[in-house]
């Protein structure tokens, strides 16, 4: 009954409205697909950039670790006393 006008002589909306609605739905679907592909492309770009940053960070950590090992081997006494000093200060701080 909602599709007929008050006189019962056919649909209550003009036939052009159906065509416009179909075009609107088609346009909305196209826009959603465009948005989906653009979002996917951006996600791929950020994923690649994240992999680069992670690789760089891992390289820096390994380099720092290697440098630390070399320093400890070259200066064992200085390293032990530095560790004792840091431990003493932290002990005083956390004791309170």
PDB file of N, CA and C in Angstrom:
ATOM      1  N   UNK A   1       0.804  -1.195   0.000  1.00  0.00           N
ATOM      2  CA  UNK A   1       0.000   0.000   0.000  1.00  0.00           C
ATOM      3  C   UNK A   1       0.843   1.252   0.000  1.00  0.00           C
ATOM      4  N   UNK A   2       2.074   1.188   0.520  1.00  0.00           N
ATOM      5  CA  UNK A   2       2.920   2.361   0.576  1.00  0.00           C
ATOM      6  C   UNK A   2       3.392   2.794  -0.791  1.00  0.00           C
ATOM      7  N   UNK A   3       3.326   1.903  -1.794  1.00  0.00           N
ATOM      8  CA  UNK A   3       3.790   2.245  -3.127  1.00  0.00           C
ATOM      9  C   UNK A   3       2.714   2.922  -3.969  1.00  0.00           C
ATOM     10  N   UNK A   4       1.501   3.021  -3.498  1.00  0.00           N
ATOM     11  CA  UNK A   4       0.421   3.613  -4.288  1.00  0.00           C
ATOM     12  C   UNK A   4       0.014   4.946  -3.697  1.00  0.00           C
ATOM     13  N   UNK A   5      -0.471   5.844  -4.584  1.00  0.00           N
ATOM     14  CA  UNK A   5      -0.921   7.131  -4.076  1.00  0.00           C
ATOM     15  C   UNK A   5      -2.332   6.992  -3.515  1.00  0.00           C
ATOM     16  N   UNK A   6      -2.944   8.073  -3.097  1.00  0.00           N
ATOM     17  CA  UNK A   6      -4.237   8.028  -2.429  1.00  0.00           C
ATOM     18  C   UNK A   6      -5.369   7.592  -3.359  1.00  0.00           C
ATOM     19  N   UNK A   7      -5.250   7.796  -4.640  1.00  0.00           N
ATOM     20  CA  UNK A   7      -6.327   7.426  -5.564  1.00  0.00           C
ATOM     21  C   UNK A   7      -6.199   5.987  -6.023  1.00  0.00           C
ATOM     22  N   UNK A   8      -5.111   5.280  -5.660  1.00  0.00           N
ATOM     23  CA  UNK A   8      -4.921   3.895  -6.029  1.00  0.00           C
ATOM     24  C   UNK A   8      -4.521   3.711  -7.478  1.00  0.00           C
ATOM     25  N   UNK A   9      -3.927   4.727  -8.090  1.00  0.00           N
ATOM     26  CA  UNK A   9      -3.574   4.665  -9.505  1.00  0.00           C
ATOM     27  C   UNK A   9      -2.079   4.533  -9.749  1.00  0.00           C
ATOM     28  N   UNK A  10      -1.373   3.670  -9.076  1.00  0.00           N
ATOM     29  CA  UNK A  10       0.038   3.467  -9.353  1.00  0.00           C
ATOM     30  C   UNK A  10       0.935   3.919  -8.223  1.00  0.00           C
ATOM     31  N   UNK A  11       2.220   3.949  -8.497  1.00  0.00           N
ATOM     32  CA  UNK A  11       3.185   4.284  -7.453  1.00  0.00           C
ATOM     33  C   UNK A  11       3.056   5.733  -6.994  1.00  0.00           C
ATOM     34  N   UNK A  12       3.408   5.949  -5.719  1.00  0.00           N
ATOM     35  CA  UNK A  12       3.316   7.280  -5.120  1.00  0.00           C
ATOM     36  C   UNK A  12       4.545   8.129  -5.421  1.00  0.00           C
ATOM     37  N   UNK A  13       5.568   7.580  -6.074  1.00  0.00           N
ATOM     38  CA  UNK A  13       6.766   8.349  -6.402  1.00  0.00           C
ATOM     39  C   UNK A  13       7.024   8.231  -7.900  1.00  0.00           C
ATOM     40  N   UNK A  14       7.625   9.254  -8.487  1.00  0.00           N
ATOM     41  CA  UNK A  14       7.841   9.240  -9.941  1.00  0.00           C
ATOM     42  C   UNK A  14       8.873   8.187 -10.350  1.00  0.00           C
ATOM     43  N   UNK A  15       8.785   7.664 -11.576  1.00  0.00           N
ATOM     44  CA  UNK A  15       9.730   6.651 -12.023  1.00  0.00           C
ATOM     45  C   UNK A  15      11.171   7.155 -12.062  1.00  0.00           C
ATOM     46  N   UNK A  16      11.374   8.442 -12.231  1.00  0.00           N
ATOM     47  CA  UNK A  16      12.735   8.993 -12.242  1.00  0.00           C
ATOM     48  C   UNK A  16      13.405   8.815 -10.877  1.00  0.00           C
ATOM     49  N   UNK A  17      12.594   8.776  -9.833  1.00  0.00           N
ATOM     50  CA  UNK A  17      13.162   8.632  -8.491  1.00  0.00           C
ATOM     51  C   UNK A  17      13.852   7.281  -8.341  1.00  0.00           C
ATOM     52  N   UNK A  18      13.266   6.232  -8.938  1.00  0.00           N
ATOM     53  CA  UNK A  18      13.898   4.921  -8.868  1.00  0.00           C
ATOM     54  C   UNK A  18      15.253   4.944  -9.565  1.00  0.00           C
ATOM     55  N   UNK A  19      15.302   5.557 -10.729  1.00  0.00           N
ATOM     56  CA  UNK A  19      16.561   5.637 -11.472  1.00  0.00           C
ATOM     57  C   UNK A  19      17.598   6.438 -10.698  1.00  0.00           C
ATOM     58  N   UNK A  20      17.174   7.544 -10.113  1.00  0.00           N
ATOM     59  CA  UNK A  20      18.098   8.361  -9.321  1.00  0.00           C
ATOM     60  C   UNK A  20      18.584   7.582  -8.099  1.00  0.00           C
ATOM     61  N   UNK A  21      17.707   6.816  -7.484  1.00  0.00           N
ATOM     62  CA  UNK A  21      18.106   6.019  -6.326  1.00  0.00           C
ATOM     63  C   UNK A  21      19.115   4.958  -6.744  1.00  0.00           C
ATOM     64  N   UNK A  22      18.878   4.316  -7.897  1.00  0.00           N
ATOM     65  CA  UNK A  22      19.823   3.313  -8.385  1.00  0.00           C
ATOM     66  C   UNK A  22      21.177   3.942  -8.676  1.00  0.00           C
ATOM     67  N   UNK A  23      21.164   5.138  -9.299  1.00  0.00           N
ATOM     68  CA  UNK A  23      22.428   5.830  -9.572  1.00  0.00           C
ATOM     69  C   UNK A  23      23.130   6.203  -8.268  1.00  0.00           C
ATOM     70  N   UNK A  24      22.336   6.614  -7.280  1.00  0.00           N
ATOM     71  CA  UNK A  24      22.918   6.967  -5.979  1.00  0.00           C
ATOM     72  C   UNK A  24      23.569   5.767  -5.312  1.00  0.00           C
ATOM     73  N   UNK A  25      22.887   4.620  -5.374  1.00  0.00           N
ATOM     74  CA  UNK A  25      23.442   3.400  -4.786  1.00  0.00           C
ATOM     75  C   UNK A  25      24.715   3.009  -5.524  1.00  0.00           C
ATOM     76  N   UNK A  26      24.686   3.086  -6.855  1.00  0.00           N
ATOM     77  CA  UNK A  26      25.869   2.748  -7.651  1.00  0.00           C
ATOM     78  C   UNK A  26      27.022   3.682  -7.309  1.00  0.00           C
ATOM     79  N   UNK A  27      26.712   4.963  -7.199  1.00  0.00           N
ATOM     80  CA  UNK A  27      27.744   5.955  -6.854  1.00  0.00           C
ATOM     81  C   UNK A  27      28.313   5.670  -5.458  1.00  0.00           C
ATOM     82  N   UNK A  28      27.445   5.352  -4.502  1.00  0.00           N
ATOM     83  CA  UNK A  28      27.904   5.070  -3.141  1.00  0.00           C
ATOM     84  C   UNK A  28      28.792   3.824  -3.117  1.00  0.00           C
ATOM     85  N   UNK A  29      28.402   2.794  -3.869  1.00  0.00           N
ATOM     86  CA  UNK A  29      29.222   1.588  -3.927  1.00  0.00           C
ATOM     87  C   UNK A  29      30.584   1.874  -4.547  1.00  0.00           C
ATOM     88  N   UNK A  30      30.597   2.679  -5.602  1.00  0.00           N
ATOM     89  CA  UNK A  30      31.858   3.041  -6.266  1.00  0.00           C
ATOM     90  C   UNK A  30      32.741   3.837  -5.310  1.00  0.00           C
ATOM     91  N   UNK A  31      32.129   4.777  -4.596  1.00  0.00           N
ATOM     92  CA  UNK A  31      32.893   5.585  -3.637  1.00  0.00           C
ATOM     93  C   UNK A  31      33.454   4.704  -2.523  1.00  0.00           C
ATOM     94  N   UNK A  32      32.666   3.740  -2.048  1.00  0.00           N
ATOM     95  CA  UNK A  32      33.145   2.839  -0.999  1.00  0.00           C
ATOM     96  C   UNK A  32      34.304   1.981  -1.508  1.00  0.00           C
ATOM     97  N   UNK A  33      34.195   1.518  -2.740  1.00  0.00           N
ATOM     98  CA  UNK A  33      35.273   0.715  -3.317  1.00  0.00           C
ATOM     99  C   UNK A  33      36.547   1.546  -3.484  1.00  0.00           C
ATOM    100  N   UNK A  34      36.402   2.786  -3.935  1.00  0.00           N
ATOM    101  CA  UNK A  34      37.553   3.678  -4.065  1.00  0.00           C
ATOM    102  C   UNK A  34      38.203   3.923  -2.706  1.00  0.00           C
ATOM    103  N   UNK A  35      37.347   4.150  -1.710  1.00  0.00           N
ATOM    104  CA  UNK A  35      37.862   4.387  -0.357  1.00  0.00           C
ATOM    105  C   UNK A  35      38.590   3.151   0.157  1.00  0.00           C
ATOM    106  N   UNK A  36      38.013   1.978  -0.078  1.00  0.00           N
ATOM    107  CA  UNK A  36      38.617   0.721   0.374  1.00  0.00           C
ATOM    108  C   UNK A  36      39.982   0.516  -0.269  1.00  0.00           C
ATOM    109  N   UNK A  37      40.084   0.774  -1.571  1.00  0.00           N
ATOM    110  CA  UNK A  37      41.368   0.558  -2.242  1.00  0.00           C
ATOM    111  C   UNK A  37      42.407   1.598  -1.788  1.00  0.00           C
ATOM    112  N   UNK A  38      41.958   2.837  -1.581  1.00  0.00           N
ATOM    113  CA  UNK A  38      42.894   3.863  -1.097  1.00  0.00           C
ATOM    114  C   UNK A  38      43.374   3.536   0.314  1.00  0.00           C
ATOM    115  N   UNK A  39      42.465   3.066   1.159  1.00  0.00           N
ATOM    116  CA  UNK A  39      42.856   2.707   2.523  1.00  0.00           C
ATOM    117  C   UNK A  39      43.814   1.520   2.500  1.00  0.00           C
ATOM    118  N   UNK A  40      43.558   0.565   1.622  1.00  0.00           N
ATOM    119  CA  UNK A  40      44.460  -0.582   1.503  1.00  0.00           C
ATOM    120  C   UNK A  40      45.842  -0.164   1.045  1.00  0.00           C
ATOM    121  N   UNK A  41      45.897   0.764   0.096  1.00  0.00           N
ATOM    122  CA  UNK A  41      47.190   1.244  -0.391  1.00  0.00           C
ATOM    123  C   UNK A  41      47.956   1.969   0.715  1.00  0.00           C
ATOM    124  N   UNK A  42      47.234   2.783   1.486  1.00  0.00           N
ATOM    125  CA  UNK A  42      47.893   3.497   2.590  1.00  0.00           C
ATOM    126  C   UNK A  42      48.369   2.512   3.654  1.00  0.00           C
ATOM    127  N   UNK A  43      47.565   1.496   3.938  1.00  0.00           N
ATOM    128  CA  UNK A  43      47.961   0.497   4.936  1.00  0.00           C
ATOM    129  C   UNK A  43      49.217  -0.230   4.475  1.00  0.00           C
ATOM    130  N   UNK A  44      49.281  -0.574   3.197  1.00  0.00           N
ATOM    131  CA  UNK A  44      50.472  -1.240   2.668  1.00  0.00           C
ATOM    132  C   UNK A  44      51.698  -0.340   2.778  1.00  0.00           C
ATOM    133  N   UNK A  45      51.500   0.939   2.479  1.00  0.00           N
ATOM    134  CA  UNK A  45      52.611   1.898   2.555  1.00  0.00           C
ATOM    135  C   UNK A  45      53.123   2.019   3.992  1.00  0.00           C
ATOM    136  N   UNK A  46      52.197   2.155   4.947  1.00  0.00           N
ATOM    137  CA  UNK A  46      52.598   2.270   6.346  1.00  0.00           C
ATOM    138  C   UNK A  46      53.215   0.973   6.864  1.00  0.00           C
ATOM    139  N   UNK A  47      52.727  -0.168   6.390  1.00  0.00           N
ATOM    140  CA  UNK A  47      53.291  -1.446   6.799  1.00  0.00           C
ATOM    141  C   UNK A  47      54.748  -1.537   6.346  1.00  0.00           C
ATOM    142  N   UNK A  48      55.024  -1.143   5.109  1.00  0.00           N
ATOM    143  CA  UNK A  48      56.402  -1.174   4.598  1.00  0.00           C
ATOM    144  C   UNK A  48      57.290  -0.211   5.377  1.00  0.00           C
ATOM    145  N   UNK A  49      56.766   0.975   5.652  1.00  0.00           N
ATOM    146  CA  UNK A  49      57.544   1.955   6.424  1.00  0.00           C
ATOM    147  C   UNK A  49      57.827   1.423   7.830  1.00  0.00           C
ATOM    148  N   UNK A  50      56.847   0.758   8.423  1.00  0.00           N
ATOM    149  CA  UNK A  50      57.035   0.169   9.749  1.00  0.00           C
ATOM    150  C   UNK A  50      58.110  -0.897   9.739  1.00  0.00           C
ATOM    151  N   UNK A  51      58.138  -1.696   8.684  1.00  0.00           N
ATOM    152  CA  UNK A  51      59.178  -2.730   8.572  1.00  0.00           C
ATOM    153  C   UNK A  51      60.553  -2.091   8.476  1.00  0.00           C
ATOM    154  N   UNK A  52      60.661  -1.000   7.730  1.00  0.00           N
ATOM    155  CA  UNK A  52      61.946  -0.299   7.615  1.00  0.00           C
ATOM    156  C   UNK A  52      62.388   0.246   8.964  1.00  0.00           C
ATOM    157  N   UNK A  53      61.457   0.877   9.682  1.00  0.00           N
ATOM    158  CA  UNK A  53      61.788   1.464  10.983  1.00  0.00           C
ATOM    159  C   UNK A  53      62.183   0.369  11.967  1.00  0.00           C
ATOM    160  N   UNK A  54      61.455  -0.742  11.960  1.00  0.00           N
ATOM    161  CA  UNK A  54      61.786  -1.853  12.848  1.00  0.00           C
ATOM    162  C   UNK A  54      63.167  -2.415  12.526  1.00  0.00           C
ATOM    163  N   UNK A  55      63.456  -2.584  11.255  1.00  0.00           N
ATOM    164  CA  UNK A  55      64.776  -3.077  10.864  1.00  0.00           C
ATOM    165  C   UNK A  55      65.885  -2.149  11.316  1.00  0.00           C
ATOM    166  N   UNK A  56      65.659  -0.846  11.155  1.00  0.00           N
ATOM    167  CA  UNK A  56      66.650   0.138  11.588  1.00  0.00           C
ATOM    168  C   UNK A  56      66.831   0.095  13.111  1.00  0.00           C
ATOM    169  N   UNK A  57      65.726  -0.017  13.833  1.00  0.00           N
ATOM    170  CA  UNK A  57      65.810  -0.067  15.300  1.00  0.00           C
ATOM    171  C   UNK A  57      66.550  -1.319  15.754  1.00  0.00           C
ATOM    172  N   UNK A  58      66.255  -2.453  15.132  1.00  0.00           N
ATOM    173  CA  UNK A  58      66.967  -3.684  15.501  1.00  0.00           C
ATOM    174  C   UNK A  58      68.462  -3.575  15.221  1.00  0.00           C
ATOM    175  N   UNK A  59      68.805  -2.948  14.102  1.00  0.00           N
ATOM    176  CA  UNK A  59      70.218  -2.752  13.769  1.00  0.00           C
ATOM    177  C   UNK A  59      70.897  -1.880  14.830  1.00  0.00           C
ATOM    178  N   UNK A  60      70.219  -0.808  15.247  1.00  0.00           N
ATOM    179  CA  UNK A  60      70.803   0.081  16.260  1.00  0.00           C
ATOM    180  C   UNK A  60      70.961  -0.623  17.602  1.00  0.00           C
ATOM    181  N   UNK A  61      69.974  -1.433  17.967  1.00  0.00           N
ATOM    182  CA  UNK A  61      70.057  -2.161  19.242  1.00  0.00           C
ATOM    183  C   UNK A  61      71.212  -3.149  19.217  1.00  0.00           C
ATOM    184  N   UNK A  62      71.350  -3.870  18.122  1.00  0.00           N
ATOM    185  CA  UNK A  62      72.457  -4.829  18.022  1.00  0.00           C
ATOM    186  C   UNK A  62      73.804  -4.119  18.057  1.00  0.00           C
ATOM    187  N   UNK A  63      73.890  -2.975  17.388  1.00  0.00           N
ATOM    188  CA  UNK A  63      75.124  -2.200  17.385  1.00  0.00           C
ATOM    189  C   UNK A  63      75.456  -1.717  18.803  1.00  0.00           C
ATOM    190  N   UNK A  64      74.436  -1.222  19.517  1.00  0.00           N
ATOM    191  CA  UNK A  64      74.636  -0.772  20.894  1.00  0.00           C
ATOM    192  C   UNK A  64      75.062  -1.931  21.777  1.00  0.00           C
ATOM    193  N   UNK A  65      74.450  -3.087  21.566  1.00  0.00           N
ATOM    194  CA  UNK A  65      74.802  -4.263  22.351  1.00  0.00           C
ATOM    195  C   UNK A  65      76.257  -4.669  22.100  1.00  0.00           C
ATOM    196  N   UNK A  66      76.654  -4.666  20.838  1.00  0.00           N
ATOM    197  CA  UNK A  66      78.037  -5.021  20.512  1.00  0.00           C
ATOM    198  C   UNK A  66      79.023  -4.013  21.097  1.00  0.00           C
ATOM    199  N   UNK A  67      78.687  -2.722  20.997  1.00  0.00           N
ATOM    200  CA  UNK A  67      79.554  -1.692  21.571  1.00  0.00           C
ATOM    201  C   UNK A  67      79.655  -1.845  23.086  1.00  0.00           C
ATOM    202  N   UNK A  68      78.547  -2.185  23.729  1.00  0.00           N
ATOM    203  CA  UNK A  68      78.554  -2.367  25.188  1.00  0.00           C
ATOM    204  C   UNK A  68      79.442  -3.527  25.580  1.00  0.00           C
ATOM    205  N   UNK A  69      79.349  -4.624  24.842  1.00  0.00           N
ATOM    206  CA  UNK A  69      80.195  -5.788  25.137  1.00  0.00           C
ATOM    207  C   UNK A  69      81.672  -5.433  24.991  1.00  0.00           C
ATOM    208  N   UNK A  70      82.004  -4.685  23.941  1.00  0.00           N
ATOM    209  CA  UNK A  70      83.397  -4.270  23.745  1.00  0.00           C
ATOM    210  C   UNK A  70      83.875  -3.395  24.893  1.00  0.00           C
ATOM    211  N   UNK A  71      83.025  -2.455  25.333  1.00  0.00           N
ATOM    212  CA  UNK A  71      83.403  -1.562  26.427  1.00  0.00           C
ATOM    213  C   UNK A  71      83.638  -2.346  27.711  1.00  0.00           C
ATOM    214  N   UNK A  72      82.751  -3.303  27.994  1.00  0.00           N
ATOM    215  CA  UNK A  72      82.894  -4.102  29.220  1.00  0.00           C
ATOM    216  C   UNK A  72      84.175  -4.922  29.169  1.00  0.00           C
ATOM    217  N   UNK A  73      84.480  -5.486  28.013  1.00  0.00           N
ATOM    218  CA  UNK A  73      85.715  -6.279  27.897  1.00  0.00           C
ATOM    219  C   UNK A  73      86.958  -5.403  28.006  1.00  0.00           C
ATOM    220  N   UNK A  74      86.890  -4.182  27.496  1.00  0.00           N
ATOM    221  CA  UNK A  74      88.042  -3.287  27.536  1.00  0.00           C
ATOM    222  C   UNK A  74      88.211  -2.630  28.907  1.00  0.00           C
ATOM    223  N   UNK A  75      87.122  -2.430  29.636  1.00  0.00           N
ATOM    224  CA  UNK A  75      87.164  -1.720  30.924  1.00  0.00           C
ATOM    225  C   UNK A  75      86.390  -2.481  31.999  1.00  0.00           C
ATOM    226  N   UNK A  76      86.845  -3.637  32.401  1.00  0.00           N
ATOM    227  CA  UNK A  76      86.051  -4.414  33.366  1.00  0.00           C
ATOM    228  C   UNK A  76      85.950  -3.757  34.749  1.00  0.00           C
ATOM    229  N   UNK A  77      87.026  -3.151  35.216  1.00  0.00           N
ATOM    230  CA  UNK A  77      86.996  -2.533  36.542  1.00  0.00           C
ATOM    231  C   UNK A  77      86.051  -1.340  36.559  1.00  0.00           C
ATOM    232  N   UNK A  78      86.177  -0.485  35.582  1.00  0.00           N
ATOM    233  CA  UNK A  78      85.315   0.686  35.497  1.00  0.00           C
ATOM    234  C   UNK A  78      83.844   0.260  35.411  1.00  0.00           C
ATOM    235  N   UNK A  79      83.581  -0.811  34.681  1.00  0.00           N
ATOM    236  CA  UNK A  79      82.212  -1.292  34.517  1.00  0.00           C
ATOM    237  C   UNK A  79      81.647  -1.810  35.837  1.00  0.00           C
ATOM    238  N   UNK A  80      82.443  -2.559  36.566  1.00  0.00           N
ATOM    239  CA  UNK A  80      81.973  -3.121  37.841  1.00  0.00           C
ATOM    240  C   UNK A  80      81.689  -1.997  38.836  1.00  0.00           C
ATOM    241  N   UNK A  81      82.600  -1.038  38.950  1.00  0.00           N
ATOM    242  CA  UNK A  81      82.374   0.063  39.895  1.00  0.00           C
ATOM    243  C   UNK A  81      81.197   0.946  39.471  1.00  0.00           C
ATOM    244  N   UNK A  82      81.025   1.121  38.184  1.00  0.00           N
ATOM    245  CA  UNK A  82      79.864   1.895  37.703  1.00  0.00           C
ATOM    246  C   UNK A  82      78.564   1.169  38.058  1.00  0.00           C
ATOM    247  N   UNK A  83      78.537  -0.143  37.876  1.00  0.00           N
ATOM    248  CA  UNK A  83      77.346  -0.921  38.213  1.00  0.00           C
ATOM    249  C   UNK A  83      77.070  -0.867  39.715  1.00  0.00           C
ATOM    250  N   UNK A  84      78.124  -0.936  40.519  1.00  0.00           N
ATOM    251  CA  UNK A  84      77.945  -0.832  41.969  1.00  0.00           C
ATOM    252  C   UNK A  84      77.391   0.535  42.356  1.00  0.00           C
ATOM    253  N   UNK A  85      77.900   1.583  41.741  1.00  0.00           N
ATOM    254  CA  UNK A  85      77.419   2.934  42.040  1.00  0.00           C
ATOM    255  C   UNK A  85      75.957   3.116  41.647  1.00  0.00           C
ATOM    256  N   UNK A  86      75.621   2.643  40.484  1.00  0.00           N
ATOM    257  CA  UNK A  86      74.224   2.767  40.032  1.00  0.00           C
ATOM    258  C   UNK A  86      73.314   1.951  40.949  1.00  0.00           C
ATOM    259  N   UNK A  87      73.738   0.757  41.302  1.00  0.00           N
ATOM    260  CA  UNK A  87      72.943  -0.077  42.198  1.00  0.00           C
ATOM    261  C   UNK A  87      72.766   0.565  43.562  1.00  0.00           C
ATOM    262  N   UNK A  88      73.828   1.193  44.088  1.00  0.00           N
ATOM    263  CA  UNK A  88      73.753   1.867  45.383  1.00  0.00           C
ATOM    264  C   UNK A  88      72.760   3.020  45.342  1.00  0.00           C
ATOM    265  N   UNK A  89      72.838   3.838  44.287  1.00  0.00           N
ATOM    266  CA  UNK A  89      71.920   4.990  44.161  1.00  0.00           C
ATOM    267  C   UNK A  89      70.482   4.506  44.014  1.00  0.00           C
ATOM    268  N   UNK A  90      70.257   3.492  43.193  1.00  0.00           N
ATOM    269  CA  UNK A  90      68.902   2.966  43.044  1.00  0.00           C
ATOM    270  C   UNK A  90      68.383   2.373  44.344  1.00  0.00           C
ATOM    271  N   UNK A  91      69.279   1.727  45.093  1.00  0.00           N
ATOM    272  CA  UNK A  91      68.888   1.182  46.394  1.00  0.00           C
ATOM    273  C   UNK A  91      68.444   2.278  47.339  1.00  0.00           C
ATOM    274  N   UNK A  92      69.160   3.409  47.341  1.00  0.00           N
ATOM    275  CA  UNK A  92      68.777   4.536  48.199  1.00  0.00           C
ATOM    276  C   UNK A  92      67.434   5.128  47.759  1.00  0.00           C
ATOM    277  N   UNK A  93      67.233   5.205  46.491  1.00  0.00           N
ATOM    278  CA  UNK A  93      65.984   5.803  45.970  1.00  0.00           C
ATOM    279  C   UNK A  93      64.787   4.922  46.309  1.00  0.00           C
ATOM    280  N   UNK A  94      64.903   3.626  46.071  1.00  0.00           N
ATOM    281  CA  UNK A  94      63.754   2.734  46.284  1.00  0.00           C
ATOM    282  C   UNK A  94      63.546   2.359  47.743  1.00  0.00           C
ATOM    283  N   UNK A  95      64.506   2.622  48.581  1.00  0.00           N
ATOM    284  CA  UNK A  95      64.395   2.305  49.993  1.00  0.00           C
ATOM    285  C   UNK A  95      63.426   3.258  50.695  1.00  0.00           C
ATOM    286  N   UNK A  96      63.296   4.419  50.184  1.00  0.00           N
ATOM    287  CA  UNK A  96      62.436   5.437  50.816  1.00  0.00           C
ATOM    288  C   UNK A  96      60.996   5.174  50.617  1.00  0.00           C
TER     289      UNK A  96
END
